[in-house]
């Protein structure tokens, strides 16, 4: 007859529960993994599979009973760490969305919206297009595998313990979040500059020929200029997004190092 002691059962539960909490937190917030079209059951099974694969190579877990108050606090802390990792990576994708909104505003396409199942709301068409482009590039660069690699590395940089989460982790996350606006503006800058020149030309034309209906002419001109510049910018957008994703992965590691003190 096979028997188990309470200490052995607690050790087995701790070896899987704490890593699973961090992994599920990441899957709930990281881009690509948290797609709303993906059923929650599939996401849970994915988290279980990743936990089983990572458990043998993870550092030793603390001897904390999972049903105790300290165990519940550690469990909640692991969920928070996973969410923080996912949101750190998500900032790169939000910067792409901001670039699409700025471009659409300059092209007079901000009124054209589509339902975005990823965000669960209405999104401008250019933001949706650039978001899909960034997602495909992220998958082509094996970004999903790099995300899991950073997740596994986080258990070394920030081991599971009852030690409180250091405030430096939140400071590093807030410092990285400033990239959300700067990267969005830099990605949209070529089109903004081209459309500004087009608008200045329309303004000069309106002064030279007052009888010309500038509203009827300016709208198709800005649309055509925006699409032409976007067409020529797409080949260079991939390199910019690759650098942005690289910074995002470094930011994830920096957040974990700061959180671990």
Protein backbone atom coordinates (compact mmCIF):
# COMPACT_ATOMS: atom_id res chain seq x y z
CA UNK A 1 0.00 0.00 0.00
CA UNK A 2 1.38 3.36 -1.02
CA UNK A 3 1.09 6.11 1.59
CA UNK A 4 1.98 9.79 1.52
CA UNK A 5 2.75 12.08 4.37
CA UNK A 6 1.32 15.58 4.63
CA UNK A 7 4.78 17.09 4.14
CA UNK A 8 5.29 15.16 0.90
CA UNK A 9 1.90 16.20 -0.44
CA UNK A 10 2.59 19.85 0.41
CA UNK A 11 5.97 19.67 -1.33
CA UNK A 12 4.36 18.28 -4.51
CA UNK A 13 1.63 20.90 -4.48
CA UNK A 14 4.10 23.74 -3.92
CA UNK A 15 6.33 22.49 -6.76
CA UNK A 16 3.46 23.00 -9.22
CA UNK A 17 1.05 25.55 -7.72
CA UNK A 18 3.42 28.49 -7.32
CA UNK A 19 4.99 28.22 -10.83
CA UNK A 20 1.52 27.64 -12.32
CA UNK A 21 0.25 30.86 -10.73
CA UNK A 22 3.05 32.90 -12.30
CA UNK A 23 2.63 31.21 -15.68
CA UNK A 24 -1.14 31.73 -15.75
CA UNK A 25 -0.62 35.39 -14.82
CA UNK A 26 1.66 35.78 -17.83
CA UNK A 27 -0.75 33.96 -20.16
CA UNK A 28 -3.56 36.24 -18.99
CA UNK A 29 -1.73 39.47 -19.82
CA UNK A 30 0.96 38.83 -22.46
CA UNK A 31 0.18 39.61 -26.11
CA UNK A 32 -0.64 36.67 -28.41
CA UNK A 33 -1.23 34.42 -25.40
CA UNK A 34 -4.19 36.41 -24.04
CA UNK A 35 -6.16 36.48 -27.28
CA UNK A 36 -9.84 36.80 -26.44
CA UNK A 37 -10.70 34.29 -29.16
CA UNK A 38 -8.74 31.62 -27.28
CA UNK A 39 -10.95 29.73 -24.80
CA UNK A 40 -9.98 29.97 -21.14
CA UNK A 41 -9.86 26.16 -20.97
CA UNK A 42 -7.17 26.05 -23.68
CA UNK A 43 -5.21 28.73 -21.85
CA UNK A 44 -5.40 26.74 -18.62
CA UNK A 45 -4.22 23.54 -20.32
CA UNK A 46 -1.35 25.51 -21.91
CA UNK A 47 -0.32 26.77 -18.49
CA UNK A 48 -0.40 23.25 -17.05
CA UNK A 49 1.74 21.89 -19.91
CA UNK A 50 4.30 24.69 -19.51
CA UNK A 51 4.40 24.13 -15.74
CA UNK A 52 5.01 20.39 -16.12
CA UNK A 53 7.79 21.11 -18.63
CA UNK A 54 9.50 23.73 -16.43
CA UNK A 55 9.04 22.13 -12.99
CA UNK A 56 12.07 19.78 -13.18
CA UNK A 57 14.52 22.61 -13.99
CA UNK A 58 13.18 25.27 -11.61
CA UNK A 59 15.01 26.25 -8.41
CA UNK A 60 13.84 24.53 -5.22
CA UNK A 61 10.51 25.82 -3.96
CA UNK A 62 10.16 27.17 -0.41
CA UNK A 63 8.76 24.83 2.25
CA UNK A 64 5.54 26.79 2.69
CA UNK A 65 2.21 24.98 3.16
CA UNK A 66 0.05 26.04 0.18
CA UNK A 67 -3.08 26.24 2.33
CA UNK A 68 -1.59 28.59 4.92
CA UNK A 69 -1.98 32.36 4.93
CA UNK A 70 1.65 32.79 3.90
CA UNK A 71 1.10 30.30 1.07
CA UNK A 72 -1.90 32.28 -0.20
CA UNK A 73 0.12 35.50 -0.08
CA UNK A 74 2.95 33.87 -2.05
CA UNK A 75 0.39 32.53 -4.55
CA UNK A 76 -1.07 36.00 -5.07
CA UNK A 77 2.44 37.42 -5.43
CA UNK A 78 3.25 34.92 -8.18
CA UNK A 79 0.10 35.91 -10.08
CA UNK A 80 1.14 39.57 -9.77
CA UNK A 81 4.63 38.79 -11.08
CA UNK A 82 3.19 37.00 -14.10
CA UNK A 83 0.81 39.88 -14.82
CA UNK A 84 3.65 42.38 -14.53
CA UNK A 85 5.76 40.42 -17.01
CA UNK A 86 2.89 40.26 -19.48
CA UNK A 87 2.08 43.95 -19.18
CA UNK A 88 5.76 44.83 -19.68
CA UNK A 89 5.73 43.04 -23.02
CA UNK A 90 2.30 44.43 -23.91
CA UNK A 91 3.61 48.01 -23.78
CA UNK A 92 5.48 47.36 -27.05
CA UNK A 93 2.21 46.38 -28.77
CA UNK A 94 0.33 49.32 -27.28
CA UNK A 95 3.00 51.63 -28.72
CA UNK A 96 2.18 50.19 -32.16
CA UNK A 97 -1.53 50.87 -31.53
CA UNK A 98 -0.74 54.47 -30.58
CA UNK A 99 1.27 54.87 -33.80
CA UNK A 100 -1.72 53.60 -35.79
CA UNK A 101 -4.07 56.03 -34.05
CA UNK A 102 -1.73 58.98 -34.73
CA UNK A 103 -1.40 58.00 -38.39
CA UNK A 104 -5.15 57.52 -38.76
CA UNK A 105 -5.81 60.90 -37.18
CA UNK A 106 -3.47 62.63 -39.62
CA UNK A 107 -4.95 60.73 -42.58
CA UNK A 108 -8.53 61.57 -41.54
CA UNK A 109 -9.20 57.88 -41.02
CA UNK A 110 -9.81 58.04 -37.27
CA UNK A 111 -13.56 57.62 -37.88
CA UNK A 112 -13.02 54.25 -39.63
CA UNK A 113 -13.08 51.65 -36.85
CA UNK A 114 -13.30 47.87 -36.60
CA UNK A 115 -14.09 45.54 -33.73
CA UNK A 116 -10.85 44.27 -32.26
CA UNK A 117 -11.30 40.88 -30.53
CA UNK A 118 -7.86 41.25 -28.95
CA UNK A 119 -8.84 44.37 -26.98
CA UNK A 120 -12.57 43.74 -26.93
CA UNK A 121 -13.53 47.13 -28.36
CA UNK A 122 -13.54 49.42 -31.37
CA UNK A 123 -10.12 50.09 -32.87
CA UNK A 124 -9.13 52.34 -35.81
CA UNK A 125 -8.43 50.35 -38.95
CA UNK A 126 -4.81 51.49 -39.18
CA UNK A 127 -4.19 50.49 -35.57
CA UNK A 128 -5.71 47.10 -36.33
CA UNK A 129 -3.55 46.73 -39.46
CA UNK A 130 -0.32 47.69 -37.69
CA UNK A 131 -1.27 45.51 -34.71
CA UNK A 132 -1.73 42.47 -36.95
CA UNK A 133 1.55 43.27 -38.70
CA UNK A 134 3.35 43.50 -35.34
CA UNK A 135 1.78 40.22 -34.16
CA UNK A 136 2.83 38.35 -37.30
CA UNK A 137 6.34 39.76 -37.04
CA UNK A 138 6.46 38.82 -33.35
CA UNK A 139 5.56 35.22 -34.19
CA UNK A 140 7.99 35.14 -37.13
CA UNK A 141 10.79 36.23 -34.78
CA UNK A 142 9.83 33.43 -32.34
CA UNK A 143 8.75 36.06 -29.85
CA UNK A 144 6.35 33.62 -28.20
CA UNK A 145 9.26 31.24 -27.51
CA UNK A 146 11.42 34.09 -26.22
CA UNK A 147 8.57 35.08 -23.91
CA UNK A 148 8.54 31.58 -22.40
CA UNK A 149 12.33 31.72 -22.14
CA UNK A 150 12.15 34.98 -20.18
CA UNK A 151 9.44 33.44 -18.01
CA UNK A 152 11.69 30.50 -17.16
CA UNK A 153 14.58 32.90 -16.47
CA UNK A 154 12.36 34.91 -14.12
CA UNK A 155 12.35 32.00 -11.65
CA UNK A 156 16.12 32.42 -11.38
CA UNK A 157 16.12 36.22 -11.21
CA UNK A 158 13.15 36.33 -8.85
CA UNK A 159 12.75 32.96 -7.11
CA UNK A 160 9.52 31.93 -5.45
CA UNK A 161 9.73 32.98 -1.81
CA UNK A 162 7.83 34.71 0.97
CA UNK A 163 10.01 37.80 0.51
CA UNK A 164 7.90 40.84 -0.43
CA UNK A 165 8.02 42.14 -3.99
CA UNK A 166 10.56 44.99 -4.08
CA UNK A 167 9.26 48.41 -5.07
CA UNK A 168 12.11 48.72 -7.56
CA UNK A 169 10.24 46.33 -9.85
CA UNK A 170 7.31 48.74 -10.17
CA UNK A 171 9.74 51.64 -10.66
CA UNK A 172 11.45 49.78 -13.51
CA UNK A 173 8.06 48.99 -15.05
CA UNK A 174 6.97 52.63 -14.90
CA UNK A 175 10.29 53.75 -16.41
CA UNK A 176 9.78 51.34 -19.31
CA UNK A 177 6.16 52.45 -19.76
CA UNK A 178 7.37 55.85 -20.99
CA UNK A 179 8.37 53.99 -24.18
CA UNK A 180 4.67 53.61 -24.88
CA UNK A 181 4.44 57.23 -26.06
CA UNK A 182 7.94 57.83 -27.38
CA UNK A 183 8.02 54.65 -29.49
CA UNK A 184 4.51 55.31 -30.78
CA UNK A 185 5.44 58.79 -31.96
CA UNK A 186 8.72 57.61 -33.51
CA UNK A 187 6.95 54.84 -35.44
CA UNK A 188 4.39 57.31 -36.79
CA UNK A 189 6.85 60.16 -37.38
CA UNK A 190 7.57 59.51 -41.11
CA UNK A 191 3.88 59.56 -42.00
CA UNK A 192 3.17 62.51 -39.72
CA UNK A 193 5.96 64.50 -41.41
CA UNK A 194 4.74 63.61 -44.91
CA UNK A 195 1.14 64.46 -44.08
CA UNK A 196 2.22 67.73 -42.46
CA UNK A 197 3.93 68.70 -45.69
CA UNK A 198 0.79 67.75 -47.63
CA UNK A 199 -1.38 69.85 -45.32
CA UNK A 200 0.98 72.82 -45.66
CA UNK A 201 0.79 72.45 -49.45
CA UNK A 202 -3.01 72.42 -49.23
CA UNK A 203 -2.90 75.56 -47.10
CA UNK A 204 -0.71 77.37 -49.63
CA UNK A 205 -2.98 76.19 -52.44
CA UNK A 206 -6.03 77.50 -50.60
CA UNK A 207 -4.39 80.95 -50.35
CA UNK A 208 -3.32 80.96 -54.00
CA UNK A 209 -6.66 79.73 -55.36
CA UNK A 210 -9.43 80.73 -52.91
CA UNK A 211 -12.13 79.50 -55.29
CA UNK A 212 -10.82 75.93 -54.91
CA UNK A 213 -12.86 73.78 -52.51
CA UNK A 214 -10.01 72.73 -50.25
CA UNK A 215 -12.20 70.36 -48.21
CA UNK A 216 -13.14 68.37 -51.31
CA UNK A 217 -9.53 68.22 -52.55
CA UNK A 218 -7.63 67.89 -49.27
CA UNK A 219 -9.33 64.72 -48.06
CA UNK A 220 -8.34 62.46 -50.99
CA UNK A 221 -4.88 64.07 -51.15
CA UNK A 222 -4.12 63.28 -47.48
CA UNK A 223 -5.50 59.76 -47.90
CA UNK A 224 -3.41 59.09 -51.01
CA UNK A 225 -0.28 60.61 -49.45
CA UNK A 226 -0.71 58.56 -46.29
CA UNK A 227 -1.16 55.27 -48.13
CA UNK A 228 1.80 55.92 -50.42
CA UNK A 229 4.12 56.79 -47.54
CA UNK A 230 2.82 53.81 -45.56
CA UNK A 231 3.54 51.53 -48.52
CA UNK A 232 7.15 52.71 -48.68
CA UNK A 233 7.54 52.61 -44.88
CA UNK A 234 6.39 49.01 -44.34
CA UNK A 235 9.77 47.43 -45.36
CA UNK A 236 11.54 49.57 -42.74
CA UNK A 237 8.88 49.07 -40.07
CA UNK A 238 9.99 45.49 -39.45
CA UNK A 239 13.47 46.51 -38.28
CA UNK A 240 12.02 49.17 -35.97
CA UNK A 241 9.58 46.69 -34.44
CA UNK A 242 12.35 44.13 -33.99
CA UNK A 243 14.35 46.64 -31.95
CA UNK A 244 11.22 47.52 -29.97
CA UNK A 245 10.57 43.87 -29.11
CA UNK A 246 14.21 43.42 -28.14
CA UNK A 247 13.92 46.35 -25.73
CA UNK A 248 10.72 44.86 -24.33
CA UNK A 249 12.45 41.57 -23.48
CA UNK A 250 15.33 43.43 -21.86
CA UNK A 251 12.78 45.47 -19.89
CA UNK A 252 11.17 42.25 -18.62
CA UNK A 253 14.54 41.07 -17.32
CA UNK A 254 15.26 44.51 -15.80
CA UNK A 255 11.90 44.48 -13.97
CA UNK A 256 12.67 41.05 -12.49
CA UNK A 257 16.17 42.10 -11.40
CA UNK A 258 14.83 45.26 -9.77
CA UNK A 259 12.03 43.32 -8.09
CA UNK A 260 14.53 40.86 -6.66
CA UNK A 261 16.60 43.67 -5.19
